[in-house]
C-alpha atoms as a PDB file:
ATOM      1  CA  ILE A   1     102.043 129.892  30.152  1.00  0.00           C
ATOM      2  CA  GLU A   2     104.412 132.852  30.111  1.00  0.00           C
ATOM      3  CA  TYR A   3     103.803 135.164  27.178  1.00  0.00           C
ATOM      4  CA  LEU A   4     106.344 137.636  25.784  1.00  0.00           C
ATOM      5  CA  ILE A   5     104.777 140.790  24.335  1.00  0.00           C
ATOM      6  CA  VAL A   6     106.569 142.051  21.234  1.00  0.00           C
ATOM      7  CA  LYS A   7     106.140 145.042  18.941  1.00  0.00           C
ATOM      8  CA  PHE A   8     107.000 145.019  15.243  1.00  0.00           C
ATOM      9  CA  ASP A   9     108.340 147.995  13.323  1.00  0.00           C
ATOM     10  CA  ASP A  10     107.955 146.933   9.704  1.00  0.00           C
ATOM     11  CA  SER A  11     109.490 150.114   8.309  1.00  0.00           C
ATOM     12  CA  GLN A  12     112.730 149.468  10.246  1.00  0.00           C
ATOM     13  CA  LYS A  13     112.423 145.655   9.996  1.00  0.00           C
ATOM     14  CA  GLN A  14     112.751 145.350  13.786  1.00  0.00           C
ATOM     15  CA  VAL A  15     110.979 143.587  16.600  1.00  0.00           C
ATOM     16  CA  LYS A  16     111.310 144.690  20.228  1.00  0.00           C
ATOM     17  CA  LEU A  17     110.063 143.579  23.616  1.00  0.00           C
ATOM     18  CA  ASN A  18     107.014 145.706  24.398  1.00  0.00           C
ATOM     19  CA  LEU A  19     106.880 146.981  27.985  1.00  0.00           C
ATOM     20  CA  ARG A  20     103.068 146.754  28.321  1.00  0.00           C
ATOM     21  CA  GLY A  21     102.720 143.924  30.832  1.00  0.00           C
ATOM     22  CA  GLN A  22     101.417 146.036  33.690  1.00  0.00           C
ATOM     23  CA  GLU A  23      99.053 147.946  31.395  1.00  0.00           C
ATOM     24  CA  LEU A  24      97.607 144.715  29.971  1.00  0.00           C
ATOM     25  CA  LEU A  25      97.257 143.195  33.447  1.00  0.00           C
ATOM     26  CA  GLU A  26      95.201 146.195  34.540  1.00  0.00           C
ATOM     27  CA  THR A  27      92.845 145.560  31.617  1.00  0.00           C
ATOM     28  CA  LEU A  28      92.738 141.784  32.072  1.00  0.00           C
ATOM     29  CA  GLY A  29      92.374 141.842  35.849  1.00  0.00           C
ATOM     30  CA  THR A  30      94.049 139.145  37.916  1.00  0.00           C
ATOM     31  CA  ASP A  31      91.083 137.306  39.408  1.00  0.00           C
ATOM     32  CA  LYS A  32      88.498 136.434  36.783  1.00  0.00           C
ATOM     33  CA  PRO A  33      88.258 132.630  36.851  1.00  0.00           C
ATOM     34  CA  GLU A  34      84.912 132.792  35.026  1.00  0.00           C
ATOM     35  CA  SER A  35      86.855 133.697  31.855  1.00  0.00           C
ATOM     36  CA  GLY A  36      88.751 130.422  32.184  1.00  0.00           C
ATOM     37  CA  ALA A  37      91.992 132.289  32.838  1.00  0.00           C
ATOM     38  CA  LEU A  38      93.917 133.947  35.637  1.00  0.00           C
ATOM     39  CA  TRP A  39      96.574 136.516  34.818  1.00  0.00           C
ATOM     40  CA  ARG A  40      99.715 137.272  36.836  1.00  0.00           C
ATOM     41  CA  PRO A  41     102.734 139.544  36.473  1.00  0.00           C
ATOM     42  CA  GLU A  42     106.029 137.981  35.571  1.00  0.00           C
ATOM     43  CA  TYR A  43     109.551 139.210  36.263  1.00  0.00           C
ATOM     44  CA  ALA A  44     109.731 141.528  33.277  1.00  0.00           C
ATOM     45  CA  ASP A  45     107.208 144.106  32.125  1.00  0.00           C
ATOM     46  CA  TYR A  46     107.128 142.547  28.669  1.00  0.00           C
ATOM     47  CA  MET A  47     105.770 139.287  30.124  1.00  0.00           C
ATOM     48  CA  ILE A  48     102.417 138.052  31.417  1.00  0.00           C
ATOM     49  CA  GLU A  49     101.576 134.679  32.918  1.00  0.00           C
ATOM     50  CA  GLY A  50      98.239 133.117  32.026  1.00  0.00           C
ATOM     51  CA  THR A  51      96.992 130.145  34.026  1.00  0.00           C
ATOM     52  CA  PRO A  52      93.743 128.143  34.000  1.00  0.00           C
ATOM     53  CA  GLY A  53      90.857 129.670  35.942  1.00  0.00           C
ATOM     54  CA  GLU A  54      90.807 126.583  38.141  1.00  0.00           C
ATOM     55  CA  PRO A  55      92.999 123.498  38.527  1.00  0.00           C
ATOM     56  CA  TYR A  56      92.503 120.692  36.037  1.00  0.00           C
ATOM     57  CA  SER A  57      91.113 117.396  37.239  1.00  0.00           C
ATOM     58  CA  SER A  58      90.910 114.041  35.517  1.00  0.00           C
ATOM     59  CA  ALA A  59      87.325 114.908  34.558  1.00  0.00           C
ATOM     60  CA  ASN A  60      88.364 117.951  32.524  1.00  0.00           C
ATOM     61  CA  PHE A  61      91.822 116.859  31.401  1.00  0.00           C
ATOM     62  CA  LEU A  62      90.711 116.959  27.769  1.00  0.00           C
ATOM     63  CA  THR A  63      89.995 120.707  28.053  1.00  0.00           C
ATOM     64  CA  VAL A  64      93.651 121.697  28.553  1.00  0.00           C
ATOM     65  CA  GLN A  65      94.385 122.526  24.907  1.00  0.00           C
ATOM     66  CA  ASN A  66      91.132 124.494  24.476  1.00  0.00           C
ATOM     67  CA  ASN A  67      91.892 126.480  27.624  1.00  0.00           C
ATOM     68  CA  MET A  68      95.399 127.285  26.389  1.00  0.00           C
ATOM     69  CA  THR A  69      93.951 128.443  23.048  1.00  0.00           C
ATOM     70  CA  ASN A  70      91.320 130.603  24.769  1.00  0.00           C
ATOM     71  CA  ARG A  71      93.908 132.271  26.998  1.00  0.00           C
ATOM     72  CA  ARG A  72      95.976 133.173  23.949  1.00  0.00           C
ATOM     73  CA  LYS A  73      92.891 134.604  22.202  1.00  0.00           C
ATOM     74  CA  ILE A  74      91.955 136.691  25.253  1.00  0.00           C
ATOM     75  CA  LEU A  75      95.417 138.237  25.403  1.00  0.00           C
ATOM     76  CA  GLU A  76      95.699 138.706  21.631  1.00  0.00           C
ATOM     77  CA  SER A  77      92.377 140.569  21.598  1.00  0.00           C
ATOM     78  CA  LEU A  78      94.064 143.400  23.558  1.00  0.00           C
ATOM     79  CA  LEU A  79      96.999 143.821  21.198  1.00  0.00           C
ATOM     80  CA  SER A  80      97.327 146.335  18.386  1.00  0.00           C
ATOM     81  CA  ASN A  81      98.097 145.304  14.794  1.00  0.00           C
ATOM     82  CA  ASP A  82     101.836 145.787  15.293  1.00  0.00           C
ATOM     83  CA  GLU A  83     102.005 143.610  18.432  1.00  0.00           C
ATOM     84  CA  ALA A  84     102.117 139.871  19.038  1.00  0.00           C
ATOM     85  CA  ILE A  85     102.673 137.420  21.866  1.00  0.00           C
ATOM     86  CA  MET A  86     105.306 134.713  21.813  1.00  0.00           C
ATOM     87  CA  THR A  87     105.947 131.758  24.067  1.00  0.00           C
ATOM     88  CA  LEU A  88     109.709 131.538  23.810  1.00  0.00           C
ATOM     89  CA  THR A  89     111.980 130.849  26.755  1.00  0.00           C
ATOM     90  CA  ASN A  90     113.878 134.021  25.909  1.00  0.00           C
ATOM     91  CA  PHE A  91     113.835 136.806  23.343  1.00  0.00           C
ATOM     92  CA  PRO A  92     116.690 136.307  20.855  1.00  0.00           C
ATOM     93  CA  LEU A  93     117.684 140.011  20.787  1.00  0.00           C
ATOM     94  CA  MET A  94     117.582 140.596  24.552  1.00  0.00           C
ATOM     95  CA  GLY A  95     120.514 142.762  25.609  1.00  0.00           C
ATOM     96  CA  VAL A  96     121.399 143.738  22.042  1.00  0.00           C
ATOM     97  CA  GLY A  97     121.221 147.488  21.484  1.00  0.00           C
ATOM     98  CA  SER A  98     117.793 149.063  21.954  1.00  0.00           C
ATOM     99  CA  PHE A  99     115.670 145.920  22.402  1.00  0.00           C
ATOM    100  CA  THR A 100     112.655 147.338  24.299  1.00  0.00           C
ATOM    101  CA  PHE A 101     109.729 149.516  23.292  1.00  0.00           C
ATOM    102  CA  PRO A 102     109.785 152.187  24.423  1.00  0.00           C
ATOM    103  CA  PRO A 103     113.593 152.299  24.536  1.00  0.00           C
ATOM    104  CA  LYS A 104     115.019 152.344  28.066  1.00  0.00           C
ATOM    105  CA  ASN A 105     118.462 152.908  29.573  1.00  0.00           C
ATOM    106  CA  VAL A 106     120.208 150.735  32.141  1.00  0.00           C
ATOM    107  CA  GLY A 107     119.755 151.694  35.794  1.00  0.00           C
ATOM    108  CA  PRO A 108     120.998 151.221  39.351  1.00  0.00           C
ATOM    109  CA  VAL A 109     118.771 148.293  40.415  1.00  0.00           C
ATOM    110  CA  ALA A 110     119.987 145.511  38.109  1.00  0.00           C
ATOM    111  CA  GLN A 111     123.383 147.159  37.687  1.00  0.00           C
ATOM    112  CA  SER A 112     123.472 145.556  34.258  1.00  0.00           C
ATOM    113  CA  LEU A 113     125.176 146.804  31.131  1.00  0.00           C
ATOM    114  CA  TYR A 114     122.532 145.057  29.009  1.00  0.00           C
ATOM    115  CA  PHE A 115     119.184 144.947  30.826  1.00  0.00           C
ATOM    116  CA  PRO A 116     117.326 148.157  31.781  1.00  0.00           C
ATOM    117  CA  ASP A 117     115.650 148.450  35.180  1.00  0.00           C
ATOM    118  CA  GLU A 118     112.467 149.700  33.532  1.00  0.00           C
ATOM    119  CA  ALA A 119     112.097 146.364  31.744  1.00  0.00           C
ATOM    120  CA  ILE A 120     111.600 144.730  35.162  1.00  0.00           C
ATOM    121  CA  HIS A 121     107.945 144.580  36.194  1.00  0.00           C
ATOM    122  CA  PRO A 122     107.378 147.421  38.685  1.00  0.00           C
ATOM    123  CA  HIS A 123     105.988 145.148  41.423  1.00  0.00           C
ATOM    124  CA  ASN A 124     108.240 145.465  44.492  1.00  0.00           C
ATOM    125  CA  ARG A 125     109.029 141.750  44.717  1.00  0.00           C
ATOM    126  CA  PHE A 126     110.715 141.751  41.302  1.00  0.00           C
ATOM    127  CA  MET A 127     112.894 144.759  42.109  1.00  0.00           C
ATOM    128  CA  ALA A 128     113.835 143.210  45.467  1.00  0.00           C
ATOM    129  CA  LEU A 129     114.618 139.906  43.772  1.00  0.00           C
ATOM    130  CA  THR A 130     116.930 141.697  41.361  1.00  0.00           C
ATOM    131  CA  VAL A 131     118.744 143.619  44.122  1.00  0.00           C
ATOM    132  CA  ASN A 132     119.274 140.452  46.150  1.00  0.00           C
END
């Protein structure tokens, strides 16, 4: 499951994509199958992928929903009160004004008028993918 990390600003009545993916991955670790979850970076730094700790088999097929719930709880336990995770295909305000937290400017990698380079996860493969 790909999770979007968002930050709410109640005083301004705004929600923004929160660029904490790498920070949360460092806390979660990537190889802890004993927790029932594996965590991986996704293209953007406001996203994290959570997968089962091991592949499902027909013997444990009925544990899928519980595992999905546990992964969400693990990730939510690391969030502050003004943050949440969403499982949308895309953030509705992406590319509209200042849509990231912290705010970032566009850069030379994506060469986009709407999407800042710093919103891309800093892993080299994602920058290379964007350039290509």
